[in-house]
Amino acid sequence: MLLAFAIAVYAQQEKEVTRFLGIPVDGSKTEMIKKLQAKGFQKSEIGDLEGEFNGQNVYISVVTNNNKVYRIMVQDQIPKNESNIKIRFNNLCNQFANNPKYTSLDFTIPENEDIGYEMTVNKKRYEAVYYQLPLTSDFDNLILDFDKRCVWFMIGEVSYGYSIFLFYDNKYNQANGEDL
């Protein structure tokens, strides 16, 4: 009976963390890299891995705290100009908004906005935040850990243009001052 309870608790905890390509953002960096390599990603000189994600060639970095994965960062390999990065950002917003696994507000950028000016002169950041819904209909825990399954992305300036940076965060594993 204790074994069944332990398995049930473990299964519930696994469901509560953010997933990247169906893989829980958890465990050691070595384990995560092996799981991502099994999905077709290759070792990279920039970041930990590289490959294709959501139709884009990307770099992937696995970020840890106390050897526990708390973030998967995905960065476009090919920089884009202002017009194309705005389209890419808005397309991602629409993809997340239309995906039943996520919930959030509307973060699209107006077509006439000059993001280069806004980022350089007004120091504006373009980012969007989405939350992964539970895999089951366990609504009792939805509010308690809603912000723990966070996926967010932003436009970043890189050499020769702009890039999208996506972050799949497991906030249970992030530093919370325990090392201070």
N, C-alpha and C. Protein backbone atom coordinates (compact mmCIF):
# COMPACT_ATOMS: atom_id res chain seq x y z
N MET A 1 0.82 -1.18 0.00
CA MET A 1 0.00 0.00 0.00
C MET A 1 0.88 1.27 0.00
N LEU A 2 1.96 1.25 0.78
CA LEU A 2 2.88 2.38 0.80
C LEU A 2 3.52 2.58 -0.56
N LEU A 3 3.85 1.49 -1.24
CA LEU A 3 4.45 1.59 -2.57
C LEU A 3 3.47 2.24 -3.54
N ALA A 4 2.22 1.85 -3.50
CA ALA A 4 1.21 2.46 -4.36
C ALA A 4 1.06 3.94 -4.08
N PHE A 5 1.09 4.32 -2.80
CA PHE A 5 0.99 5.74 -2.43
C PHE A 5 2.20 6.51 -2.95
N ALA A 6 3.41 5.94 -2.79
CA ALA A 6 4.63 6.60 -3.26
C ALA A 6 4.60 6.79 -4.77
N ILE A 7 4.13 5.80 -5.50
CA ILE A 7 4.03 5.90 -6.96
C ILE A 7 3.02 6.99 -7.34
N ALA A 8 1.89 7.04 -6.65
CA ALA A 8 0.88 8.05 -6.93
C ALA A 8 1.40 9.45 -6.65
N VAL A 9 2.13 9.62 -5.55
CA VAL A 9 2.70 10.93 -5.23
C VAL A 9 3.73 11.33 -6.27
N TYR A 10 4.59 10.39 -6.68
CA TYR A 10 5.61 10.69 -7.68
C TYR A 10 4.95 11.07 -9.00
N ALA A 11 3.93 10.33 -9.40
CA ALA A 11 3.24 10.62 -10.67
C ALA A 11 2.61 12.01 -10.62
N GLN A 12 2.02 12.38 -9.48
CA GLN A 12 1.40 13.69 -9.36
C GLN A 12 2.46 14.79 -9.44
N GLN A 13 3.61 14.59 -8.78
CA GLN A 13 4.66 15.59 -8.82
C GLN A 13 5.17 15.75 -10.25
N GLU A 14 5.32 14.66 -10.98
CA GLU A 14 5.81 14.74 -12.35
C GLU A 14 4.85 15.55 -13.22
N LYS A 15 3.56 15.43 -13.00
CA LYS A 15 2.58 16.16 -13.78
C LYS A 15 2.62 17.65 -13.50
N GLU A 16 3.08 18.04 -12.34
CA GLU A 16 3.04 19.44 -11.94
C GLU A 16 4.15 20.28 -12.53
N VAL A 17 5.19 19.68 -13.08
CA VAL A 17 6.29 20.48 -13.62
C VAL A 17 6.10 20.74 -15.10
N THR A 18 6.72 21.81 -15.55
CA THR A 18 6.68 22.17 -16.97
C THR A 18 7.30 21.05 -17.79
N ARG A 19 6.76 20.86 -18.98
CA ARG A 19 7.30 19.86 -19.90
C ARG A 19 7.79 20.55 -21.16
N PHE A 20 8.90 20.03 -21.68
CA PHE A 20 9.45 20.48 -22.96
C PHE A 20 9.49 19.27 -23.86
N LEU A 21 8.75 19.30 -24.96
CA LEU A 21 8.63 18.17 -25.88
C LEU A 21 8.17 16.90 -25.15
N GLY A 22 7.31 17.08 -24.15
CA GLY A 22 6.79 15.95 -23.38
C GLY A 22 7.71 15.48 -22.27
N ILE A 23 8.88 16.06 -22.15
CA ILE A 23 9.86 15.67 -21.13
C ILE A 23 9.74 16.63 -19.94
N PRO A 24 9.57 16.10 -18.72
CA PRO A 24 9.53 16.99 -17.56
C PRO A 24 10.84 17.77 -17.42
N VAL A 25 10.74 19.06 -17.19
CA VAL A 25 11.90 19.91 -16.97
C VAL A 25 12.33 19.68 -15.52
N ASP A 26 13.13 18.63 -15.33
CA ASP A 26 13.50 18.16 -14.00
C ASP A 26 14.66 17.18 -14.14
N GLY A 27 15.23 16.75 -13.03
CA GLY A 27 16.32 15.79 -13.04
C GLY A 27 17.66 16.47 -13.27
N SER A 28 18.66 15.67 -13.57
CA SER A 28 20.01 16.21 -13.77
C SER A 28 20.19 16.69 -15.21
N LYS A 29 21.20 17.53 -15.40
CA LYS A 29 21.51 18.05 -16.73
C LYS A 29 21.88 16.91 -17.69
N THR A 30 22.67 15.97 -17.19
CA THR A 30 23.09 14.82 -18.02
C THR A 30 21.88 14.02 -18.49
N GLU A 31 20.95 13.74 -17.57
CA GLU A 31 19.73 13.00 -17.93
C GLU A 31 18.92 13.76 -18.98
N MET A 32 18.76 15.07 -18.77
CA MET A 32 17.97 15.88 -19.69
C MET A 32 18.60 15.91 -21.07
N ILE A 33 19.91 16.08 -21.14
CA ILE A 33 20.59 16.11 -22.44
C ILE A 33 20.40 14.78 -23.16
N LYS A 34 20.50 13.67 -22.44
CA LYS A 34 20.28 12.36 -23.07
C LYS A 34 18.86 12.23 -23.62
N LYS A 35 17.88 12.71 -22.87
CA LYS A 35 16.49 12.64 -23.32
C LYS A 35 16.28 13.51 -24.56
N LEU A 36 16.91 14.68 -24.58
CA LEU A 36 16.78 15.56 -25.74
C LEU A 36 17.52 15.01 -26.95
N GLN A 37 18.65 14.35 -26.73
CA GLN A 37 19.36 13.71 -27.84
C GLN A 37 18.52 12.58 -28.42
N ALA A 38 17.77 11.89 -27.57
CA ALA A 38 16.87 10.84 -28.06
C ALA A 38 15.77 11.42 -28.94
N LYS A 39 15.47 12.71 -28.78
CA LYS A 39 14.48 13.40 -29.61
C LYS A 39 15.10 13.96 -30.89
N GLY A 40 16.43 13.75 -31.08
CA GLY A 40 17.07 14.16 -32.32
C GLY A 40 17.99 15.36 -32.22
N PHE A 41 18.14 15.95 -31.06
CA PHE A 41 19.05 17.09 -30.92
C PHE A 41 20.49 16.60 -30.84
N GLN A 42 21.41 17.42 -31.36
CA GLN A 42 22.83 17.08 -31.41
C GLN A 42 23.63 18.02 -30.53
N LYS A 43 24.81 17.57 -30.11
CA LYS A 43 25.72 18.44 -29.34
C LYS A 43 26.02 19.69 -30.16
N SER A 44 26.27 20.79 -29.47
CA SER A 44 26.50 22.07 -30.12
C SER A 44 27.65 22.81 -29.46
N GLU A 45 28.30 23.65 -30.23
CA GLU A 45 29.34 24.51 -29.67
C GLU A 45 28.72 25.74 -29.01
N ILE A 46 27.49 26.07 -29.39
CA ILE A 46 26.76 27.18 -28.78
C ILE A 46 25.59 26.55 -28.02
N GLY A 47 25.55 26.75 -26.73
CA GLY A 47 24.54 26.06 -25.93
C GLY A 47 24.95 24.61 -25.76
N ASP A 48 24.03 23.81 -25.26
CA ASP A 48 24.32 22.39 -25.05
C ASP A 48 24.01 21.56 -26.28
N LEU A 49 22.91 21.91 -26.97
CA LEU A 49 22.43 21.12 -28.10
C LEU A 49 21.94 22.05 -29.20
N GLU A 50 21.70 21.46 -30.36
CA GLU A 50 21.06 22.19 -31.45
C GLU A 50 20.21 21.23 -32.25
N GLY A 51 19.26 21.80 -32.97
CA GLY A 51 18.37 20.99 -33.78
C GLY A 51 17.19 21.81 -34.23
N GLU A 52 16.12 21.13 -34.62
CA GLU A 52 14.93 21.80 -35.09
C GLU A 52 13.83 21.73 -34.03
N PHE A 53 13.19 22.88 -33.80
CA PHE A 53 12.09 22.97 -32.86
C PHE A 53 11.05 23.93 -33.42
N ASN A 54 9.83 23.46 -33.55
CA ASN A 54 8.72 24.27 -34.05
C ASN A 54 9.06 24.95 -35.38
N GLY A 55 9.73 24.21 -36.26
CA GLY A 55 10.03 24.71 -37.59
C GLY A 55 11.24 25.63 -37.69
N GLN A 56 11.98 25.79 -36.61
CA GLN A 56 13.15 26.68 -36.60
C GLN A 56 14.38 25.90 -36.18
N ASN A 57 15.53 26.25 -36.74
CA ASN A 57 16.80 25.73 -36.25
C ASN A 57 17.14 26.51 -34.99
N VAL A 58 17.43 25.77 -33.90
CA VAL A 58 17.60 26.40 -32.60
C VAL A 58 18.82 25.84 -31.86
N TYR A 59 19.26 26.62 -30.89
CA TYR A 59 20.21 26.16 -29.88
C TYR A 59 19.41 25.92 -28.61
N ILE A 60 19.80 24.90 -27.85
CA ILE A 60 19.14 24.60 -26.59
C ILE A 60 20.17 24.60 -25.48
N SER A 61 19.85 25.29 -24.40
CA SER A 61 20.68 25.27 -23.19
C SER A 61 19.87 24.70 -22.05
N VAL A 62 20.49 23.80 -21.29
CA VAL A 62 19.86 23.19 -20.12
C VAL A 62 20.47 23.88 -18.90
N VAL A 63 19.64 24.57 -18.12
CA VAL A 63 20.11 25.37 -16.99
C VAL A 63 19.72 24.68 -15.69
N THR A 64 20.68 24.64 -14.74
CA THR A 64 20.44 23.92 -13.49
C THR A 64 20.65 24.81 -12.27
N ASN A 65 20.11 24.34 -11.17
CA ASN A 65 20.36 24.88 -9.84
C ASN A 65 20.58 23.67 -8.94
N ASN A 66 21.75 23.60 -8.30
CA ASN A 66 22.10 22.44 -7.47
C ASN A 66 21.94 21.13 -8.24
N ASN A 67 22.38 21.14 -9.49
CA ASN A 67 22.34 19.99 -10.40
C ASN A 67 20.92 19.49 -10.70
N LYS A 68 19.91 20.32 -10.51
CA LYS A 68 18.55 19.98 -10.90
C LYS A 68 18.12 20.96 -11.99
N VAL A 69 17.61 20.43 -13.08
CA VAL A 69 17.20 21.26 -14.20
C VAL A 69 16.02 22.14 -13.77
N TYR A 70 16.15 23.45 -14.03
CA TYR A 70 15.03 24.34 -13.76
C TYR A 70 14.62 25.12 -15.01
N ARG A 71 15.43 25.05 -16.08
CA ARG A 71 15.07 25.81 -17.28
C ARG A 71 15.65 25.13 -18.52
N ILE A 72 14.84 25.12 -19.57
CA ILE A 72 15.30 24.80 -20.91
C ILE A 72 15.17 26.11 -21.69
N MET A 73 16.30 26.58 -22.22
CA MET A 73 16.28 27.80 -23.02
C MET A 73 16.46 27.42 -24.48
N VAL A 74 15.60 27.94 -25.32
CA VAL A 74 15.63 27.68 -26.75
C VAL A 74 15.85 29.00 -27.46
N GLN A 75 16.87 29.06 -28.33
CA GLN A 75 17.19 30.30 -29.05
C GLN A 75 17.25 30.02 -30.54
N ASP A 76 16.59 30.88 -31.32
CA ASP A 76 16.69 30.78 -32.78
C ASP A 76 18.15 30.89 -33.19
N GLN A 77 18.57 30.06 -34.14
CA GLN A 77 19.94 30.12 -34.65
C GLN A 77 20.15 31.27 -35.60
N ILE A 78 19.14 31.56 -36.42
CA ILE A 78 19.29 32.55 -37.48
C ILE A 78 18.62 33.85 -37.06
N PRO A 79 19.40 34.93 -36.91
CA PRO A 79 18.81 36.22 -36.55
C PRO A 79 17.84 36.70 -37.64
N LYS A 80 16.87 37.51 -37.21
CA LYS A 80 15.86 38.03 -38.12
C LYS A 80 15.87 39.56 -38.07
N ASN A 81 15.36 40.16 -39.14
CA ASN A 81 15.23 41.62 -39.13
C ASN A 81 13.99 41.99 -38.32
N GLU A 82 13.76 43.29 -38.17
CA GLU A 82 12.67 43.76 -37.32
C GLU A 82 11.30 43.26 -37.79
N SER A 83 11.06 43.32 -39.08
CA SER A 83 9.77 42.88 -39.61
C SER A 83 9.55 41.39 -39.37
N ASN A 84 10.56 40.58 -39.63
CA ASN A 84 10.42 39.13 -39.49
C ASN A 84 10.34 38.69 -38.03
N ILE A 85 11.04 39.40 -37.13
CA ILE A 85 10.97 39.00 -35.72
C ILE A 85 9.60 39.33 -35.14
N LYS A 86 8.99 40.40 -35.60
CA LYS A 86 7.64 40.76 -35.16
C LYS A 86 6.65 39.67 -35.62
N ILE A 87 6.80 39.22 -36.85
CA ILE A 87 5.95 38.14 -37.37
C ILE A 87 6.17 36.86 -36.58
N ARG A 88 7.42 36.53 -36.32
CA ARG A 88 7.75 35.31 -35.56
C ARG A 88 7.16 35.39 -34.15
N PHE A 89 7.31 36.53 -33.48
CA PHE A 89 6.78 36.71 -32.13
C PHE A 89 5.26 36.55 -32.13
N ASN A 90 4.59 37.24 -33.05
CA ASN A 90 3.12 37.16 -33.10
C ASN A 90 2.65 35.76 -33.48
N ASN A 91 3.37 35.07 -34.36
CA ASN A 91 3.01 33.69 -34.69
C ASN A 91 3.11 32.78 -33.46
N LEU A 92 4.18 32.95 -32.67
CA LEU A 92 4.31 32.17 -31.44
C LEU A 92 3.16 32.47 -30.49
N CYS A 93 2.82 33.73 -30.33
CA CYS A 93 1.69 34.11 -29.47
C CYS A 93 0.42 33.41 -29.93
N ASN A 94 0.17 33.40 -31.22
CA ASN A 94 -1.03 32.74 -31.76
C ASN A 94 -0.97 31.23 -31.57
N GLN A 95 0.20 30.63 -31.76
CA GLN A 95 0.34 29.19 -31.55
C GLN A 95 0.05 28.80 -30.11
N PHE A 96 0.61 29.55 -29.16
CA PHE A 96 0.35 29.26 -27.75
C PHE A 96 -1.12 29.51 -27.41
N ALA A 97 -1.67 30.62 -27.88
CA ALA A 97 -3.07 30.96 -27.58
C ALA A 97 -4.03 29.91 -28.12
N ASN A 98 -3.70 29.28 -29.24
CA ASN A 98 -4.57 28.28 -29.86
C ASN A 98 -4.25 26.86 -29.42
N ASN A 99 -3.30 26.69 -28.51
CA ASN A 99 -2.93 25.37 -28.01
C ASN A 99 -3.67 25.12 -26.70
N PRO A 100 -4.48 24.08 -26.63
CA PRO A 100 -5.28 23.84 -25.42
C PRO A 100 -4.45 23.48 -24.19
N LYS A 101 -3.15 23.27 -24.34
CA LYS A 101 -2.30 22.95 -23.19
C LYS A 101 -1.86 24.20 -22.44
N TYR A 102 -2.18 25.39 -22.96
CA TYR A 102 -1.69 26.65 -22.37
C TYR A 102 -2.83 27.63 -22.13
N THR A 103 -2.56 28.56 -21.22
CA THR A 103 -3.47 29.66 -20.97
C THR A 103 -2.67 30.93 -20.72
N SER A 104 -3.22 32.06 -21.11
CA SER A 104 -2.58 33.36 -20.88
C SER A 104 -3.43 34.47 -21.46
N LEU A 105 -2.83 35.67 -21.52
CA LEU A 105 -3.45 36.83 -22.13
C LEU A 105 -2.90 37.02 -23.54
N ASP A 106 -3.36 38.04 -24.24
CA ASP A 106 -2.86 38.34 -25.58
C ASP A 106 -1.62 39.22 -25.47
N PHE A 107 -0.54 38.81 -26.14
CA PHE A 107 0.71 39.55 -26.09
C PHE A 107 1.20 39.99 -27.46
N THR A 108 0.38 39.91 -28.49
CA THR A 108 0.85 40.22 -29.84
C THR A 108 1.29 41.68 -29.96
N ILE A 109 2.20 41.91 -30.90
CA ILE A 109 2.76 43.24 -31.15
C ILE A 109 1.97 43.88 -32.28
N PRO A 110 1.51 45.12 -32.10
CA PRO A 110 0.79 45.80 -33.19
C PRO A 110 1.68 45.91 -34.44
N GLU A 111 1.07 45.78 -35.60
CA GLU A 111 1.81 45.77 -36.86
C GLU A 111 2.62 47.05 -37.09
N ASN A 112 2.11 48.18 -36.63
CA ASN A 112 2.77 49.46 -36.90
C ASN A 112 3.80 49.85 -35.84
N GLU A 113 4.07 48.97 -34.85
CA GLU A 113 5.01 49.31 -33.78
C GLU A 113 6.46 49.17 -34.27
N ASP A 114 7.28 50.13 -33.96
CA ASP A 114 8.70 50.14 -34.31
C ASP A 114 9.47 49.53 -33.14
N ILE A 115 9.67 48.21 -33.18
CA ILE A 115 10.29 47.54 -32.04
C ILE A 115 11.75 47.93 -31.85
N GLY A 116 12.46 48.20 -32.93
CA GLY A 116 13.85 48.64 -32.81
C GLY A 116 13.96 49.92 -32.02
N TYR A 117 13.11 50.88 -32.34
CA TYR A 117 13.08 52.16 -31.62
C TYR A 117 12.67 51.94 -30.17
N GLU A 118 11.61 51.19 -29.97
CA GLU A 118 11.09 50.96 -28.62
C GLU A 118 12.13 50.26 -27.74
N MET A 119 12.83 49.27 -28.30
CA MET A 119 13.84 48.55 -27.51
C MET A 119 15.07 49.41 -27.23
N THR A 120 15.49 50.18 -28.22
CA THR A 120 16.72 50.98 -28.06
C THR A 120 16.47 52.25 -27.25
N VAL A 121 15.48 53.01 -27.60
CA VAL A 121 15.25 54.31 -26.97
C VAL A 121 14.47 54.17 -25.66
N ASN A 122 13.38 53.41 -25.70
CA ASN A 122 12.51 53.32 -24.52
C ASN A 122 12.81 52.09 -23.64
N LYS A 123 13.79 51.29 -24.04
CA LYS A 123 14.20 50.09 -23.28
C LYS A 123 13.03 49.14 -23.04
N LYS A 124 12.12 49.08 -24.00
CA LYS A 124 10.96 48.21 -23.89
C LYS A 124 11.38 46.76 -24.14
N ARG A 125 10.79 45.86 -23.36
CA ARG A 125 11.02 44.42 -23.56
C ARG A 125 9.76 43.81 -24.14
N TYR A 126 9.95 42.99 -25.14
CA TYR A 126 8.83 42.27 -25.74
C TYR A 126 8.90 40.84 -25.26
N GLU A 127 7.94 40.48 -24.41
CA GLU A 127 7.90 39.12 -23.90
C GLU A 127 6.46 38.69 -23.69
N ALA A 128 6.27 37.39 -23.70
CA ALA A 128 4.95 36.80 -23.51
C ALA A 128 5.09 35.63 -22.55
N VAL A 129 4.09 35.44 -21.68
CA VAL A 129 4.11 34.38 -20.69
C VAL A 129 2.89 33.51 -20.86
N TYR A 130 3.12 32.20 -20.84
CA TYR A 130 2.03 31.22 -20.94
C TYR A 130 2.22 30.19 -19.84
N TYR A 131 1.14 29.58 -19.44
CA TYR A 131 1.19 28.59 -18.37
C TYR A 131 0.65 27.27 -18.89
N GLN A 132 1.40 26.20 -18.63
CA GLN A 132 0.94 24.88 -19.03
C GLN A 132 -0.15 24.43 -18.06
N LEU A 133 -1.25 23.99 -18.62
CA LEU A 133 -2.34 23.47 -17.81
C LEU A 133 -1.99 22.05 -17.37
N PRO A 134 -2.61 21.57 -16.29
CA PRO A 134 -2.32 20.21 -15.84
C PRO A 134 -2.71 19.18 -16.90
N LEU A 135 -2.02 18.05 -16.88
CA LEU A 135 -2.33 16.98 -17.83
C LEU A 135 -3.67 16.33 -17.52
N THR A 136 -4.07 16.38 -16.25
CA THR A 136 -5.35 15.83 -15.84
C THR A 136 -6.26 16.99 -15.45
N SER A 137 -7.46 16.68 -15.10
CA SER A 137 -8.40 17.72 -14.69
C SER A 137 -8.36 17.91 -13.17
N ASP A 138 -7.17 17.94 -12.61
CA ASP A 138 -7.00 18.13 -11.18
C ASP A 138 -7.03 19.63 -10.87
N PHE A 139 -8.22 20.20 -10.82
CA PHE A 139 -8.36 21.64 -10.65
C PHE A 139 -8.07 22.10 -9.22
N ASP A 140 -8.00 21.16 -8.27
CA ASP A 140 -7.67 21.55 -6.90
C ASP A 140 -6.25 22.11 -6.82
N ASN A 141 -5.33 21.54 -7.62
CA ASN A 141 -3.94 21.99 -7.59
C ASN A 141 -3.64 23.04 -8.65
N LEU A 142 -4.59 23.33 -9.52
CA LEU A 142 -4.36 24.28 -10.60
C LEU A 142 -3.93 25.65 -10.08
N ILE A 143 -4.66 26.19 -9.13
CA ILE A 143 -4.36 27.53 -8.63
C ILE A 143 -3.08 27.50 -7.80
N LEU A 144 -2.85 26.44 -7.04
CA LEU A 144 -1.69 26.38 -6.16
C LEU A 144 -0.37 26.40 -6.93
N ASP A 145 -0.30 25.71 -8.06
CA ASP A 145 0.97 25.62 -8.77
C ASP A 145 0.89 26.14 -10.19
N PHE A 146 -0.10 26.96 -10.47
CA PHE A 146 -0.32 27.50 -11.80
C PHE A 146 0.93 28.19 -12.34
N ASP A 147 1.55 29.02 -11.49
CA ASP A 147 2.72 29.78 -11.93
C ASP A 147 3.99 28.94 -11.94
N LYS A 148 3.93 27.70 -11.52
CA LYS A 148 5.12 26.84 -11.50
C LYS A 148 5.38 26.21 -12.87
N ARG A 149 4.39 26.19 -13.75
CA ARG A 149 4.52 25.60 -15.09
C ARG A 149 4.54 26.73 -16.13
N CYS A 150 5.58 27.49 -16.10
CA CYS A 150 5.68 28.71 -16.89
C CYS A 150 6.50 28.48 -18.17
N VAL A 151 5.97 28.96 -19.28
CA VAL A 151 6.72 29.01 -20.54
C VAL A 151 6.62 30.45 -21.02
N TRP A 152 7.76 31.05 -21.26
CA TRP A 152 7.74 32.44 -21.70
C TRP A 152 8.80 32.64 -22.77
N PHE A 153 8.62 33.69 -23.54
CA PHE A 153 9.59 33.99 -24.58
C PHE A 153 9.71 35.49 -24.75
N MET A 154 10.82 35.88 -25.35
CA MET A 154 11.10 37.29 -25.55
C MET A 154 11.91 37.50 -26.81
N ILE A 155 11.89 38.73 -27.28
CA ILE A 155 12.76 39.13 -28.38
C ILE A 155 14.05 39.65 -27.77
N GLY A 156 15.16 39.16 -28.28
CA GLY A 156 16.46 39.63 -27.82
C GLY A 156 17.27 40.15 -29.00
N GLU A 157 18.05 41.19 -28.76
CA GLU A 157 18.94 41.69 -29.80
C GLU A 157 20.19 40.82 -29.83
N VAL A 158 20.56 40.39 -31.03
CA VAL A 158 21.77 39.59 -31.25
C VAL A 158 22.52 40.22 -32.41
N SER A 159 23.72 39.70 -32.68
CA SER A 159 24.47 40.20 -33.83
C SER A 159 23.62 40.11 -35.09
N TYR A 160 23.57 41.17 -35.83
CA TYR A 160 22.87 41.20 -37.12
C TYR A 160 21.36 41.05 -37.02
N GLY A 161 20.76 41.43 -35.90
CA GLY A 161 19.31 41.41 -35.86
C GLY A 161 18.71 41.03 -34.52
N TYR A 162 17.64 40.25 -34.58
CA TYR A 162 16.86 39.87 -33.41
C TYR A 162 16.65 38.37 -33.40
N SER A 163 16.44 37.84 -32.20
CA SER A 163 16.20 36.41 -32.04
C SER A 163 15.11 36.21 -30.99
N ILE A 164 14.42 35.09 -31.08
CA ILE A 164 13.46 34.70 -30.05
C ILE A 164 14.18 33.79 -29.07
N PHE A 165 13.97 34.05 -27.79
CA PHE A 165 14.46 33.20 -26.72
C PHE A 165 13.24 32.65 -25.98
N LEU A 166 13.10 31.32 -25.96
CA LEU A 166 11.99 30.67 -25.25
C LEU A 166 12.55 30.04 -23.99
N PHE A 167 11.77 30.11 -22.91
CA PHE A 167 12.19 29.56 -21.63
C PHE A 167 11.09 28.65 -21.08
N TYR A 168 11.41 27.39 -20.88
CA TYR A 168 10.52 26.43 -20.25
C TYR A 168 11.02 26.26 -18.83
N ASP A 169 10.33 26.85 -17.86
CA ASP A 169 10.80 26.92 -16.48
C ASP A 169 10.08 25.95 -15.56
N ASN A 170 10.86 25.29 -14.71
CA ASN A 170 10.34 24.52 -13.59
C ASN A 170 10.70 25.32 -12.35
N LYS A 171 9.77 26.11 -11.88
CA LYS A 171 10.06 27.03 -10.79
C LYS A 171 10.28 26.32 -9.45
N TYR A 172 9.91 25.03 -9.37
CA TYR A 172 10.19 24.27 -8.16
C TYR A 172 11.70 24.11 -7.95
N ASN A 173 12.47 24.08 -9.04
CA ASN A 173 13.91 23.84 -8.95
C ASN A 173 14.74 25.12 -9.00
N GLN A 174 14.12 26.27 -9.17
CA GLN A 174 14.88 27.52 -9.22
C GLN A 174 15.40 27.88 -7.84
N ALA A 175 16.50 28.63 -7.84
CA ALA A 175 17.06 29.09 -6.58
C ALA A 175 16.05 30.00 -5.87
N ASN A 176 15.88 29.80 -4.58
CA ASN A 176 14.99 30.67 -3.82
C ASN A 176 15.68 31.23 -2.58
N GLY A 177 17.01 31.36 -2.66
CA GLY A 177 17.76 31.94 -1.56
C GLY A 177 18.34 30.95 -0.59
N GLU A 178 18.18 29.66 -0.87
CA GLU A 178 18.67 28.65 0.08
C GLU A 178 20.20 28.66 0.21
N ASP A 179 20.91 29.18 -0.80
CA ASP A 179 22.38 29.21 -0.75
C ASP A 179 22.93 30.50 -0.16
N LEU A 180 22.07 31.44 0.20
CA LEU A 180 22.55 32.74 0.72
C LEU A 180 23.13 32.59 2.11
